[in-house]
Each structure stands twice: as C-alpha cells, then as structure tokens.
Amino acid sequence: MMRRRRIMADSRGGEVIKGTLEMVVLEVLQHEPMHGWGITERIERRSNGLLSVNQGSLYPALYRLVARGWVSSEWRTTENNRTARYYSLTRLGRKELAAERAQWEKLSRGVNLILGGVEA
C-alpha cells in the first residue's frame, strides 16, 4: 500500500522540506487561476494521491506568496455559484518557480546519488 504524504507544517512550525509546499502551489497555479480547495484537489490528483495539503498549511502559504508578489488574488464566482478567492501566478512568480524548480532538481539529483550509493 502506498503511503500518502502531507505537505504541511511539522510540530515545530516549519515545513517538512522548507519551500516544498510553496513550490508545489506555484507549479499548480502556472496552468490556471484556482481557489484554495481547487489547489488542494489538484495537488492530490497530480500526485496520484501521494500528497495532500491541509487548509491550515495551504492558506498561510498562499498569503506568503501574495505578500512576496509571486501570486495575486481576486474574488470570483465559482462554478457552483459561490464566491471564492482565486489565486493566479504572476510574472515574478513564474520566474521564482523556474528558479525553485532548478534548485529542486539539483537537490533531488544529489539525494538520489546518495541513496543510490553511487560515488562521484
């Protein structure tokens, strides 16, 4: 059985891997504006159910992303005729996503080398 991982704050208040949640949110938002519930659903679906985000971790991350100018937000009506705040990736957010993706790929390559037991 595969184990689902939560991307959330740990007991000390830090993220499991610092910046992971924010990077994943930026990735999801690059395709289209979404409201918070849609973001959590998209993360779970794209990870084949291996990752989930609780609302208590998502919204503080979204507020940080808005404060940094990487994401913008506006109120819209949902497909269910409800009002919700929609989040969109900004140009600055796209640049940040590219930088974070490059850093993540480098980090994961290094960890995979170590876990694979391959000496450089």
PDB file of N, CA and C in Angstrom:
ATOM      1  N   MET A   1       0.839  -1.180   0.000  1.00  0.00           N
ATOM      2  CA  MET A   1       0.000   0.000   0.000  1.00  0.00           C
ATOM      3  C   MET A   1       0.885   1.244   0.000  1.00  0.00           C
ATOM      4  N   MET A   2       0.564   2.211  -0.861  1.00  0.00           N
ATOM      5  CA  MET A   2       1.335   3.452  -0.899  1.00  0.00           C
ATOM      6  C   MET A   2       0.874   4.364   0.227  1.00  0.00           C
ATOM      7  N   ARG A   3       1.818   5.052   0.778  1.00  0.00           N
ATOM      8  CA  ARG A   3       1.542   5.956   1.882  1.00  0.00           C
ATOM      9  C   ARG A   3       1.382   7.373   1.364  1.00  0.00           C
ATOM     10  N   ARG A   4       0.345   8.051   1.802  1.00  0.00           N
ATOM     11  CA  ARG A   4       0.110   9.445   1.420  1.00  0.00           C
ATOM     12  C   ARG A   4       0.947  10.348   2.317  1.00  0.00           C
ATOM     13  N   ARG A   5       1.595  11.315   1.717  1.00  0.00           N
ATOM     14  CA  ARG A   5       2.385  12.287   2.464  1.00  0.00           C
ATOM     15  C   ARG A   5       1.633  13.600   2.530  1.00  0.00           C
ATOM     16  N   ARG A   6       1.686  14.215   3.655  1.00  0.00           N
ATOM     17  CA  ARG A   6       1.087  15.539   3.804  1.00  0.00           C
ATOM     18  C   ARG A   6       2.181  16.576   3.650  1.00  0.00           C
ATOM     19  N   ILE A   7       1.890  17.594   2.877  1.00  0.00           N
ATOM     20  CA  ILE A   7       2.782  18.744   2.798  1.00  0.00           C
ATOM     21  C   ILE A   7       2.195  19.731   3.787  1.00  0.00           C
ATOM     22  N   MET A   8       2.805  19.846   4.934  1.00  0.00           N
ATOM     23  CA  MET A   8       2.228  20.678   5.978  1.00  0.00           C
ATOM     24  C   MET A   8       3.295  21.076   6.982  1.00  0.00           C
ATOM     25  N   ALA A   9       2.910  21.889   7.933  1.00  0.00           N
ATOM     26  CA  ALA A   9       3.832  22.295   8.978  1.00  0.00           C
ATOM     27  C   ALA A   9       4.067  21.134   9.931  1.00  0.00           C
ATOM     28  N   ASP A  10       5.308  20.997  10.396  1.00  0.00           N
ATOM     29  CA  ASP A  10       5.583  19.970  11.392  1.00  0.00           C
ATOM     30  C   ASP A  10       5.336  20.547  12.780  1.00  0.00           C
ATOM     31  N   SER A  11       5.615  19.790  13.834  1.00  0.00           N
ATOM     32  CA  SER A  11       5.314  20.220  15.198  1.00  0.00           C
ATOM     33  C   SER A  11       6.102  21.451  15.624  1.00  0.00           C
ATOM     34  N   ARG A  12       7.209  21.761  14.964  1.00  0.00           N
ATOM     35  CA  ARG A  12       7.997  22.948  15.298  1.00  0.00           C
ATOM     36  C   ARG A  12       7.544  24.157  14.500  1.00  0.00           C
ATOM     37  N   GLY A  13       6.555  23.977  13.607  1.00  0.00           N
ATOM     38  CA  GLY A  13       6.028  25.093  12.839  1.00  0.00           C
ATOM     39  C   GLY A  13       6.697  25.280  11.488  1.00  0.00           C
ATOM     40  N   GLY A  14       7.729  24.484  11.165  1.00  0.00           N
ATOM     41  CA  GLY A  14       8.391  24.601   9.880  1.00  0.00           C
ATOM     42  C   GLY A  14       7.821  23.600   8.895  1.00  0.00           C
ATOM     43  N   GLU A  15       8.053  23.824   7.628  1.00  0.00           N
ATOM     44  CA  GLU A  15       7.571  22.878   6.641  1.00  0.00           C
ATOM     45  C   GLU A  15       8.477  21.665   6.607  1.00  0.00           C
ATOM     46  N   VAL A  16       7.931  20.546   6.220  1.00  0.00           N
ATOM     47  CA  VAL A  16       8.674  19.297   6.207  1.00  0.00           C
ATOM     48  C   VAL A  16       9.973  19.467   5.424  1.00  0.00           C
ATOM     49  N   ILE A  17       9.883  19.949   4.208  1.00  0.00           N
ATOM     50  CA  ILE A  17      11.064  20.378   3.458  1.00  0.00           C
ATOM     51  C   ILE A  17      10.784  21.827   3.113  1.00  0.00           C
ATOM     52  N   LYS A  18      11.563  22.715   3.668  1.00  0.00           N
ATOM     53  CA  LYS A  18      11.284  24.142   3.534  1.00  0.00           C
ATOM     54  C   LYS A  18      11.081  24.539   2.073  1.00  0.00           C
ATOM     55  N   GLY A  19       9.971  25.196   1.817  1.00  0.00           N
ATOM     56  CA  GLY A  19       9.683  25.693   0.483  1.00  0.00           C
ATOM     57  C   GLY A  19       8.959  24.722  -0.428  1.00  0.00           C
ATOM     58  N   THR A  20       8.823  23.463  -0.017  1.00  0.00           N
ATOM     59  CA  THR A  20       8.188  22.477  -0.887  1.00  0.00           C
ATOM     60  C   THR A  20       6.744  22.834  -1.181  1.00  0.00           C
ATOM     61  N   LEU A  21       5.982  23.166  -0.172  1.00  0.00           N
ATOM     62  CA  LEU A  21       4.585  23.499  -0.374  1.00  0.00           C
ATOM     63  C   LEU A  21       4.445  24.693  -1.305  1.00  0.00           C
ATOM     64  N   GLU A  22       5.221  25.724  -1.077  1.00  0.00           N
ATOM     65  CA  GLU A  22       5.138  26.913  -1.920  1.00  0.00           C
ATOM     66  C   GLU A  22       5.503  26.595  -3.363  1.00  0.00           C
ATOM     67  N   MET A  23       6.525  25.782  -3.571  1.00  0.00           N
ATOM     68  CA  MET A  23       6.925  25.408  -4.922  1.00  0.00           C
ATOM     69  C   MET A  23       5.800  24.631  -5.616  1.00  0.00           C
ATOM     70  N   VAL A  24       5.183  23.711  -4.907  1.00  0.00           N
ATOM     71  CA  VAL A  24       4.104  22.911  -5.482  1.00  0.00           C
ATOM     72  C   VAL A  24       2.906  23.796  -5.817  1.00  0.00           C
ATOM     73  N   VAL A  25       2.576  24.738  -4.957  1.00  0.00           N
ATOM     74  CA  VAL A  25       1.461  25.657  -5.229  1.00  0.00           C
ATOM     75  C   VAL A  25       1.765  26.502  -6.458  1.00  0.00           C
ATOM     76  N   LEU A  26       2.976  27.029  -6.571  1.00  0.00           N
ATOM     77  CA  LEU A  26       3.352  27.805  -7.756  1.00  0.00           C
ATOM     78  C   LEU A  26       3.205  26.951  -9.014  1.00  0.00           C
ATOM     79  N   GLU A  27       3.634  25.711  -8.944  1.00  0.00           N
ATOM     80  CA  GLU A  27       3.524  24.799 -10.097  1.00  0.00           C
ATOM     81  C   GLU A  27       2.067  24.609 -10.506  1.00  0.00           C
ATOM     82  N   VAL A  28       1.209  24.372  -9.545  1.00  0.00           N
ATOM     83  CA  VAL A  28      -0.215  24.147  -9.834  1.00  0.00           C
ATOM     84  C   VAL A  28      -0.845  25.405 -10.435  1.00  0.00           C
ATOM     85  N   LEU A  29      -0.475  26.571  -9.924  1.00  0.00           N
ATOM     86  CA  LEU A  29      -1.086  27.817 -10.391  1.00  0.00           C
ATOM     87  C   LEU A  29      -0.568  28.277 -11.746  1.00  0.00           C
ATOM     88  N   GLN A  30       0.501  27.693 -12.241  1.00  0.00           N
ATOM     89  CA  GLN A  30       1.013  28.142 -13.532  1.00  0.00           C
ATOM     90  C   GLN A  30       0.061  27.786 -14.671  1.00  0.00           C
ATOM     91  N   HIS A  31      -0.829  26.857 -14.450  1.00  0.00           N
ATOM     92  CA  HIS A  31      -1.732  26.409 -15.506  1.00  0.00           C
ATOM     93  C   HIS A  31      -3.022  27.221 -15.585  1.00  0.00           C
ATOM     94  N   GLU A  32      -3.543  27.644 -14.430  1.00  0.00           N
ATOM     95  CA  GLU A  32      -4.779  28.429 -14.406  1.00  0.00           C
ATOM     96  C   GLU A  32      -5.017  28.962 -12.998  1.00  0.00           C
ATOM     97  N   PRO A  33      -5.764  30.062 -12.884  1.00  0.00           N
ATOM     98  CA  PRO A  33      -6.136  30.563 -11.554  1.00  0.00           C
ATOM     99  C   PRO A  33      -7.030  29.541 -10.854  1.00  0.00           C
ATOM    100  N   MET A  34      -6.866  29.429  -9.556  1.00  0.00           N
ATOM    101  CA  MET A  34      -7.648  28.458  -8.784  1.00  0.00           C
ATOM    102  C   MET A  34      -7.949  29.000  -7.407  1.00  0.00           C
ATOM    103  N   HIS A  35      -9.019  28.485  -6.798  1.00  0.00           N
ATOM    104  CA  HIS A  35      -9.316  28.793  -5.399  1.00  0.00           C
ATOM    105  C   HIS A  35      -8.638  27.738  -4.527  1.00  0.00           C
ATOM    106  N   GLY A  36      -8.594  27.980  -3.236  1.00  0.00           N
ATOM    107  CA  GLY A  36      -7.850  27.114  -2.322  1.00  0.00           C
ATOM    108  C   GLY A  36      -8.234  25.650  -2.394  1.00  0.00           C
ATOM    109  N   TRP A  37      -9.535  25.359  -2.374  1.00  0.00           N
ATOM    110  CA  TRP A  37      -9.964  23.968  -2.425  1.00  0.00           C
ATOM    111  C   TRP A  37      -9.492  23.311  -3.730  1.00  0.00           C
ATOM    112  N   GLY A  38      -9.587  24.042  -4.833  1.00  0.00           N
ATOM    113  CA  GLY A  38      -9.136  23.520  -6.114  1.00  0.00           C
ATOM    114  C   GLY A  38      -7.643  23.213  -6.113  1.00  0.00           C
ATOM    115  N   ILE A  39      -6.870  24.052  -5.431  1.00  0.00           N
ATOM    116  CA  ILE A  39      -5.423  23.832  -5.336  1.00  0.00           C
ATOM    117  C   ILE A  39      -5.136  22.525  -4.604  1.00  0.00           C
ATOM    118  N   THR A  40      -5.814  22.308  -3.469  1.00  0.00           N
ATOM    119  CA  THR A  40      -5.580  21.076  -2.714  1.00  0.00           C
ATOM    120  C   THR A  40      -5.992  19.850  -3.523  1.00  0.00           C
ATOM    121  N   GLU A  41      -7.115  19.941  -4.221  1.00  0.00           N
ATOM    122  CA  GLU A  41      -7.566  18.832  -5.056  1.00  0.00           C
ATOM    123  C   GLU A  41      -6.582  18.547  -6.188  1.00  0.00           C
ATOM    124  N   ARG A  42      -6.068  19.600  -6.829  1.00  0.00           N
ATOM    125  CA  ARG A  42      -5.135  19.425  -7.943  1.00  0.00           C
ATOM    126  C   ARG A  42      -3.836  18.782  -7.463  1.00  0.00           C
ATOM    127  N   ILE A  43      -3.338  19.204  -6.306  1.00  0.00           N
ATOM    128  CA  ILE A  43      -2.110  18.615  -5.763  1.00  0.00           C
ATOM    129  C   ILE A  43      -2.310  17.130  -5.506  1.00  0.00           C
ATOM    130  N   GLU A  44      -3.424  16.788  -4.899  1.00  0.00           N
ATOM    131  CA  GLU A  44      -3.686  15.378  -4.608  1.00  0.00           C
ATOM    132  C   GLU A  44      -3.825  14.571  -5.896  1.00  0.00           C
ATOM    133  N   ARG A  45      -4.541  15.105  -6.869  1.00  0.00           N
ATOM    134  CA  ARG A  45      -4.755  14.390  -8.130  1.00  0.00           C
ATOM    135  C   ARG A  45      -3.458  14.230  -8.916  1.00  0.00           C
ATOM    136  N   ARG A  46      -2.671  15.311  -9.022  1.00  0.00           N
ATOM    137  CA  ARG A  46      -1.428  15.242  -9.808  1.00  0.00           C
ATOM    138  C   ARG A  46      -0.378  14.355  -9.159  1.00  0.00           C
ATOM    139  N   SER A  47      -0.474  14.165  -7.839  1.00  0.00           N
ATOM    140  CA  SER A  47       0.486  13.286  -7.151  1.00  0.00           C
ATOM    141  C   SER A  47      -0.054  11.866  -7.014  1.00  0.00           C
ATOM    142  N   ASN A  48      -1.126  11.576  -7.726  1.00  0.00           N
ATOM    143  CA  ASN A  48      -1.780  10.262  -7.625  1.00  0.00           C
ATOM    144  C   ASN A  48      -2.123   9.902  -6.187  1.00  0.00           C
ATOM    145  N   GLY A  49      -2.522  10.901  -5.412  1.00  0.00           N
ATOM    146  CA  GLY A  49      -2.945  10.675  -4.038  1.00  0.00           C
ATOM    147  C   GLY A  49      -1.819  10.525  -3.035  1.00  0.00           C
ATOM    148  N   LEU A  50      -0.581  10.700  -3.470  1.00  0.00           N
ATOM    149  CA  LEU A  50       0.547  10.553  -2.545  1.00  0.00           C
ATOM    150  C   LEU A  50       0.762  11.786  -1.675  1.00  0.00           C
ATOM    151  N   LEU A  51       0.298  12.931  -2.133  1.00  0.00           N
ATOM    152  CA  LEU A  51       0.456  14.174  -1.378  1.00  0.00           C
ATOM    153  C   LEU A  51      -0.910  14.792  -1.107  1.00  0.00           C
ATOM    154  N   SER A  52      -1.047  15.363   0.059  1.00  0.00           N
ATOM    155  CA  SER A  52      -2.243  16.125   0.376  1.00  0.00           C
ATOM    156  C   SER A  52      -1.831  17.335   1.199  1.00  0.00           C
ATOM    157  N   VAL A  53      -2.632  18.360   1.126  1.00  0.00           N
ATOM    158  CA  VAL A  53      -2.343  19.600   1.828  1.00  0.00           C
ATOM    159  C   VAL A  53      -3.546  19.958   2.676  1.00  0.00           C
ATOM    160  N   ASN A  54      -3.314  20.215   3.954  1.00  0.00           N
ATOM    161  CA  ASN A  54      -4.445  20.645   4.765  1.00  0.00           C
ATOM    162  C   ASN A  54      -4.607  22.161   4.643  1.00  0.00           C
ATOM    163  N   GLN A  55      -5.818  22.620   4.867  1.00  0.00           N
ATOM    164  CA  GLN A  55      -6.139  24.033   4.713  1.00  0.00           C
ATOM    165  C   GLN A  55      -5.325  24.912   5.672  1.00  0.00           C
ATOM    166  N   GLY A  56      -5.010  24.376   6.847  1.00  0.00           N
ATOM    167  CA  GLY A  56      -4.230  25.125   7.829  1.00  0.00           C
ATOM    168  C   GLY A  56      -2.799  25.393   7.388  1.00  0.00           C
ATOM    169  N   SER A  57      -2.304  24.646   6.416  1.00  0.00           N
ATOM    170  CA  SER A  57      -0.980  24.886   5.853  1.00  0.00           C
ATOM    171  C   SER A  57      -1.071  25.658   4.543  1.00  0.00           C
ATOM    172  N   LEU A  58      -2.129  25.377   3.755  1.00  0.00           N
ATOM    173  CA  LEU A  58      -2.246  26.000   2.442  1.00  0.00           C
ATOM    174  C   LEU A  58      -2.432  27.507   2.520  1.00  0.00           C
ATOM    175  N   TYR A  59      -3.387  27.967   3.333  1.00  0.00           N
ATOM    176  CA  TYR A  59      -3.701  29.396   3.317  1.00  0.00           C
ATOM    177  C   TYR A  59      -2.562  30.280   3.815  1.00  0.00           C
ATOM    178  N   PRO A  60      -1.854  29.903   4.879  1.00  0.00           N
ATOM    179  CA  PRO A  60      -0.682  30.715   5.241  1.00  0.00           C
ATOM    180  C   PRO A  60       0.352  30.770   4.116  1.00  0.00           C
ATOM    181  N   ALA A  61       0.538  29.650   3.399  1.00  0.00           N
ATOM    182  CA  ALA A  61       1.474  29.641   2.269  1.00  0.00           C
ATOM    183  C   ALA A  61       0.983  30.572   1.168  1.00  0.00           C
ATOM    184  N   LEU A  62      -0.314  30.540   0.869  1.00  0.00           N
ATOM    185  CA  LEU A  62      -0.861  31.441  -0.153  1.00  0.00           C
ATOM    186  C   LEU A  62      -0.675  32.901   0.249  1.00  0.00           C
ATOM    187  N   TYR A  63      -0.911  33.219   1.519  1.00  0.00           N
ATOM    188  CA  TYR A  63      -0.735  34.601   1.978  1.00  0.00           C
ATOM    189  C   TYR A  63       0.724  35.043   1.842  1.00  0.00           C
ATOM    190  N   ARG A  64       1.664  34.136   2.127  1.00  0.00           N
ATOM    191  CA  ARG A  64       3.087  34.471   1.955  1.00  0.00           C
ATOM    192  C   ARG A  64       3.402  34.710   0.483  1.00  0.00           C
ATOM    193  N   LEU A  65       2.869  33.869  -0.388  1.00  0.00           N
ATOM    194  CA  LEU A  65       3.121  34.012  -1.830  1.00  0.00           C
ATOM    195  C   LEU A  65       2.546  35.324  -2.364  1.00  0.00           C
ATOM    196  N   VAL A  66       1.377  35.717  -1.881  1.00  0.00           N
ATOM    197  CA  VAL A  66       0.782  37.000  -2.281  1.00  0.00           C
ATOM    198  C   VAL A  66       1.649  38.145  -1.767  1.00  0.00           C
ATOM    199  N   ALA A  67       2.091  38.057  -0.511  1.00  0.00           N
ATOM    200  CA  ALA A  67       2.914  39.120   0.086  1.00  0.00           C
ATOM    201  C   ALA A  67       4.229  39.299  -0.669  1.00  0.00           C
ATOM    202  N   ARG A  68       4.773  38.217  -1.221  1.00  0.00           N
ATOM    203  CA  ARG A  68       6.029  38.293  -1.970  1.00  0.00           C
ATOM    204  C   ARG A  68       5.826  38.750  -3.408  1.00  0.00           C
ATOM    205  N   GLY A  69       4.573  38.834  -3.842  1.00  0.00           N
ATOM    206  CA  GLY A  69       4.290  39.251  -5.211  1.00  0.00           C
ATOM    207  C   GLY A  69       4.378  38.126  -6.222  1.00  0.00           C
ATOM    208  N   TRP A  70       4.461  36.883  -5.762  1.00  0.00           N
ATOM    209  CA  TRP A  70       4.563  35.735  -6.659  1.00  0.00           C
ATOM    210  C   TRP A  70       3.196  35.253  -7.115  1.00  0.00           C
ATOM    211  N   VAL A  71       2.172  35.595  -6.336  1.00  0.00           N
ATOM    212  CA  VAL A  71       0.791  35.208  -6.617  1.00  0.00           C
ATOM    213  C   VAL A  71      -0.090  36.427  -6.373  1.00  0.00           C
ATOM    214  N   SER A  72      -1.119  36.584  -7.199  1.00  0.00           N
ATOM    215  CA  SER A  72      -2.121  37.631  -6.971  1.00  0.00           C
ATOM    216  C   SER A  72      -3.436  36.937  -6.633  1.00  0.00           C
ATOM    217  N   SER A  73      -4.379  37.692  -6.091  1.00  0.00           N
ATOM    218  CA  SER A  73      -5.667  37.079  -5.748  1.00  0.00           C
ATOM    219  C   SER A  73      -6.801  38.049  -6.041  1.00  0.00           C
ATOM    220  N   GLU A  74      -7.965  37.470  -6.321  1.00  0.00           N
ATOM    221  CA  GLU A  74      -9.170  38.262  -6.548  1.00  0.00           C
ATOM    222  C   GLU A  74     -10.383  37.396  -6.243  1.00  0.00           C
ATOM    223  N   TRP A  75     -11.464  38.056  -5.854  1.00  0.00           N
ATOM    224  CA  TRP A  75     -12.707  37.346  -5.582  1.00  0.00           C
ATOM    225  C   TRP A  75     -13.431  37.090  -6.894  1.00  0.00           C
ATOM    226  N   ARG A  76     -13.926  35.861  -7.055  1.00  0.00           N
ATOM    227  CA  ARG A  76     -14.691  35.454  -8.240  1.00  0.00           C
ATOM    228  C   ARG A  76     -15.826  34.539  -7.808  1.00  0.00           C
ATOM    229  N   THR A  77     -16.713  34.282  -8.736  1.00  0.00           N
ATOM    230  CA  THR A  77     -17.785  33.322  -8.515  1.00  0.00           C
ATOM    231  C   THR A  77     -17.336  31.973  -9.062  1.00  0.00           C
ATOM    232  N   THR A  78     -17.514  30.924  -8.261  1.00  0.00           N
ATOM    233  CA  THR A  78     -17.104  29.576  -8.666  1.00  0.00           C
ATOM    234  C   THR A  78     -18.141  28.966  -9.596  1.00  0.00           C
ATOM    235  N   GLU A  79     -17.802  27.792 -10.120  1.00  0.00           N
ATOM    236  CA  GLU A  79     -18.735  27.064 -10.987  1.00  0.00           C
ATOM    237  C   GLU A  79     -19.990  26.640 -10.226  1.00  0.00           C
ATOM    238  N   ASN A  80     -19.919  26.613  -8.887  1.00  0.00           N
ATOM    239  CA  ASN A  80     -21.079  26.276  -8.041  1.00  0.00           C
ATOM    240  C   ASN A  80     -21.829  27.526  -7.582  1.00  0.00           C
ATOM    241  N   ASN A  81     -21.515  28.658  -8.213  1.00  0.00           N
ATOM    242  CA  ASN A  81     -22.167  29.937  -7.912  1.00  0.00           C
ATOM    243  C   ASN A  81     -21.894  30.425  -6.485  1.00  0.00           C
ATOM    244  N   ARG A  82     -20.707  30.134  -5.984  1.00  0.00           N
ATOM    245  CA  ARG A  82     -20.267  30.639  -4.681  1.00  0.00           C
ATOM    246  C   ARG A  82     -19.138  31.621  -4.902  1.00  0.00           C
ATOM    247  N   THR A  83     -18.927  32.484  -3.942  1.00  0.00           N
ATOM    248  CA  THR A  83     -17.830  33.438  -4.034  1.00  0.00           C
ATOM    249  C   THR A  83     -16.594  32.837  -3.371  1.00  0.00           C
ATOM    250  N   ALA A  84     -15.470  32.914  -4.067  1.00  0.00           N
ATOM    251  CA  ALA A  84     -14.210  32.378  -3.530  1.00  0.00           C
ATOM    252  C   ALA A  84     -13.058  33.237  -4.024  1.00  0.00           C
ATOM    253  N   ARG A  85     -11.986  33.233  -3.247  1.00  0.00           N
ATOM    254  CA  ARG A  85     -10.783  33.947  -3.662  1.00  0.00           C
ATOM    255  C   ARG A  85      -9.991  33.050  -4.599  1.00  0.00           C
ATOM    256  N   TYR A  86      -9.711  33.567  -5.791  1.00  0.00           N
ATOM    257  CA  TYR A  86      -8.926  32.840  -6.783  1.00  0.00           C
ATOM    258  C   TYR A  86      -7.499  33.383  -6.778  1.00  0.00           C
ATOM    259  N   TYR A  87      -6.546  32.480  -6.891  1.00  0.00           N
ATOM    260  CA  TYR A  87      -5.135  32.826  -6.872  1.00  0.00           C
ATOM    261  C   TYR A  87      -4.544  32.586  -8.251  1.00  0.00           C
ATOM    262  N   SER A  88      -3.695  33.527  -8.702  1.00  0.00           N
ATOM    263  CA  SER A  88      -3.057  33.441 -10.014  1.00  0.00           C
ATOM    264  C   SER A  88      -1.563  33.659  -9.872  1.00  0.00           C
ATOM    265  N   LEU A  89      -0.799  32.976 -10.700  1.00  0.00           N
ATOM    266  CA  LEU A  89       0.645  33.142 -10.719  1.00  0.00           C
ATOM    267  C   LEU A  89       0.992  34.442 -11.447  1.00  0.00           C
ATOM    268  N   THR A  90       1.879  35.238 -10.870  1.00  0.00           N
ATOM    269  CA  THR A  90       2.325  36.479 -11.506  1.00  0.00           C
ATOM    270  C   THR A  90       3.585  36.210 -12.332  1.00  0.00           C
ATOM    271  N   ARG A  91       4.013  37.195 -13.085  1.00  0.00           N
ATOM    272  CA  ARG A  91       5.253  37.066 -13.857  1.00  0.00           C
ATOM    273  C   ARG A  91       6.428  36.797 -12.925  1.00  0.00           C
ATOM    274  N   LEU A  92       6.466  37.513 -11.802  1.00  0.00           N
ATOM    275  CA  LEU A  92       7.515  37.296 -10.813  1.00  0.00           C
ATOM    276  C   LEU A  92       7.433  35.876 -10.237  1.00  0.00           C
ATOM    277  N   GLY A  93       6.212  35.376 -10.060  1.00  0.00           N
ATOM    278  CA  GLY A  93       6.013  34.014  -9.578  1.00  0.00           C
ATOM    279  C   GLY A  93       6.521  32.974 -10.563  1.00  0.00           C
ATOM    280  N   ARG A  94       6.359  33.244 -11.862  1.00  0.00           N
ATOM    281  CA  ARG A  94       6.869  32.318 -12.882  1.00  0.00           C
ATOM    282  C   ARG A  94       8.392  32.252 -12.839  1.00  0.00           C
ATOM    283  N   LYS A  95       9.022  33.401 -12.640  1.00  0.00           N
ATOM    284  CA  LYS A  95      10.483  33.420 -12.519  1.00  0.00           C
ATOM    285  C   LYS A  95      10.926  32.650 -11.281  1.00  0.00           C
ATOM    286  N   GLU A  96      10.225  32.860 -10.186  1.00  0.00           N
ATOM    287  CA  GLU A  96      10.564  32.161  -8.945  1.00  0.00           C
ATOM    288  C   GLU A  96      10.369  30.660  -9.105  1.00  0.00           C
ATOM    289  N   LEU A  97       9.293  30.247  -9.758  1.00  0.00           N
ATOM    290  CA  LEU A  97       9.049  28.826  -9.979  1.00  0.00           C
ATOM    291  C   LEU A  97      10.188  28.198 -10.776  1.00  0.00           C
ATOM    292  N   ALA A  98      10.647  28.872 -11.806  1.00  0.00           N
ATOM    293  CA  ALA A  98      11.762  28.352 -12.614  1.00  0.00           C
ATOM    294  C   ALA A  98      13.016  28.194 -11.753  1.00  0.00           C
ATOM    295  N   ALA A  99      13.292  29.177 -10.904  1.00  0.00           N
ATOM    296  CA  ALA A  99      14.468  29.106 -10.029  1.00  0.00           C
ATOM    297  C   ALA A  99      14.324  27.979  -9.009  1.00  0.00           C
ATOM    298  N   GLU A 100      13.139  27.860  -8.419  1.00  0.00           N
ATOM    299  CA  GLU A 100      12.923  26.808  -7.426  1.00  0.00           C
ATOM    300  C   GLU A 100      12.967  25.424  -8.057  1.00  0.00           C
ATOM    301  N   ARG A 101      12.435  25.303  -9.266  1.00  0.00           N
ATOM    302  CA  ARG A 101      12.466  24.015  -9.960  1.00  0.00           C
ATOM    303  C   ARG A 101      13.913  23.589 -10.226  1.00  0.00           C
ATOM    304  N   ALA A 102      14.750  24.519 -10.673  1.00  0.00           N
ATOM    305  CA  ALA A 102      16.158  24.205 -10.938  1.00  0.00           C
ATOM    306  C   ALA A 102      16.866  23.789  -9.653  1.00  0.00           C
ATOM    307  N   GLN A 103      16.581  24.496  -8.561  1.00  0.00           N
ATOM    308  CA  GLN A 103      17.192  24.157  -7.278  1.00  0.00           C
ATOM    309  C   GLN A 103      16.709  22.785  -6.797  1.00  0.00           C
ATOM    310  N   TRP A 104      15.408  22.505  -6.956  1.00  0.00           N
ATOM    311  CA  TRP A 104      14.853  21.215  -6.547  1.00  0.00           C
ATOM    312  C   TRP A 104      15.482  20.070  -7.337  1.00  0.00           C
ATOM    313  N   GLU A 105      15.638  20.251  -8.652  1.00  0.00           N
ATOM    314  CA  GLU A 105      16.228  19.206  -9.486  1.00  0.00           C
ATOM    315  C   GLU A 105      17.665  18.914  -9.064  1.00  0.00           C
ATOM    316  N   LYS A 106      18.410  19.957  -8.738  1.00  0.00           N
ATOM    317  CA  LYS A 106      19.791  19.769  -8.289  1.00  0.00           C
ATOM    318  C   LYS A 106      19.826  19.031  -6.949  1.00  0.00           C
ATOM    319  N   LEU A 107      18.975  19.456  -6.017  1.00  0.00           N
ATOM    320  CA  LEU A 107      18.915  18.822  -4.709  1.00  0.00           C
ATOM    321  C   LEU A 107      18.491  17.361  -4.826  1.00  0.00           C
ATOM    322  N   SER A 108      17.438  17.102  -5.599  1.00  0.00           N
ATOM    323  CA  SER A 108      16.952  15.724  -5.705  1.00  0.00           C
ATOM    324  C   SER A 108      17.961  14.827  -6.411  1.00  0.00           C
ATOM    325  N   ARG A 109      18.700  15.369  -7.379  1.00  0.00           N
ATOM    326  CA  ARG A 109      19.766  14.601  -8.037  1.00  0.00           C
ATOM    327  C   ARG A 109      20.826  14.182  -7.013  1.00  0.00           C
ATOM    328  N   GLY A 110      21.220  15.124  -6.170  1.00  0.00           N
ATOM    329  CA  GLY A 110      22.220  14.825  -5.141  1.00  0.00           C
ATOM    330  C   GLY A 110      21.733  13.796  -4.144  1.00  0.00           C
ATOM    331  N   VAL A 111      20.488  13.934  -3.688  1.00  0.00           N
ATOM    332  CA  VAL A 111      19.946  12.958  -2.747  1.00  0.00           C
ATOM    333  C   VAL A 111      19.833  11.590  -3.399  1.00  0.00           C
ATOM    334  N   ASN A 112      19.383  11.542  -4.644  1.00  0.00           N
ATOM    335  CA  ASN A 112      19.270  10.256  -5.357  1.00  0.00           C
ATOM    336  C   ASN A 112      20.632   9.599  -5.512  1.00  0.00           C
ATOM    337  N   LEU A 113      21.671  10.377  -5.768  1.00  0.00           N
ATOM    338  CA  LEU A 113      23.018   9.809  -5.862  1.00  0.00           C
ATOM    339  C   LEU A 113      23.436   9.181  -4.538  1.00  0.00           C
ATOM    340  N   ILE A 114      23.136   9.893  -3.455  1.00  0.00           N
ATOM    341  CA  ILE A 114      23.494   9.376  -2.138  1.00  0.00           C
ATOM    342  C   ILE A 114      22.695   8.115  -1.823  1.00  0.00           C
ATOM    343  N   LEU A 115      21.393   8.145  -2.068  1.00  0.00           N
ATOM    344  CA  LEU A 115      20.548   6.981  -1.785  1.00  0.00           C
ATOM    345  C   LEU A 115      20.884   5.798  -2.681  1.00  0.00           C
ATOM    346  N   GLY A 116      21.335   6.093  -3.885  1.00  0.00           N
ATOM    347  CA  GLY A 116      21.701   5.024  -4.810  1.00  0.00           C
ATOM    348  C   GLY A 116      23.068   4.444  -4.543  1.00  0.00           C
ATOM    349  N   GLY A 117      23.821   5.063  -3.644  1.00  0.00           N
ATOM    350  CA  GLY A 117      25.127   4.553  -3.296  1.00  0.00           C
ATOM    351  C   GLY A 117      26.173   4.752  -4.375  1.00  0.00           C
ATOM    352  N   VAL A 118      25.942   5.671  -5.280  1.00  0.00           N
ATOM    353  CA  VAL A 118      26.884   5.906  -6.369  1.00  0.00           C
ATOM    354  C   VAL A 118      27.897   6.951  -5.917  1.00  0.00           C
ATOM    355  N   GLU A 119      29.164   6.641  -6.072  1.00  0.00           N
ATOM    356  CA  GLU A 119      30.233   7.594  -5.741  1.00  0.00           C
ATOM    357  C   GLU A 119      30.553   8.431  -6.970  1.00  0.00           C
ATOM    358  N   ALA A 120      30.719   9.705  -6.764  1.00  0.00           N
ATOM    359  CA  ALA A 120      31.052  10.606  -7.887  1.00  0.00           C
ATOM    360  C   ALA A 120      32.507  10.515  -8.223  1.00  0.00           C
TER     361      ALA A 120
END
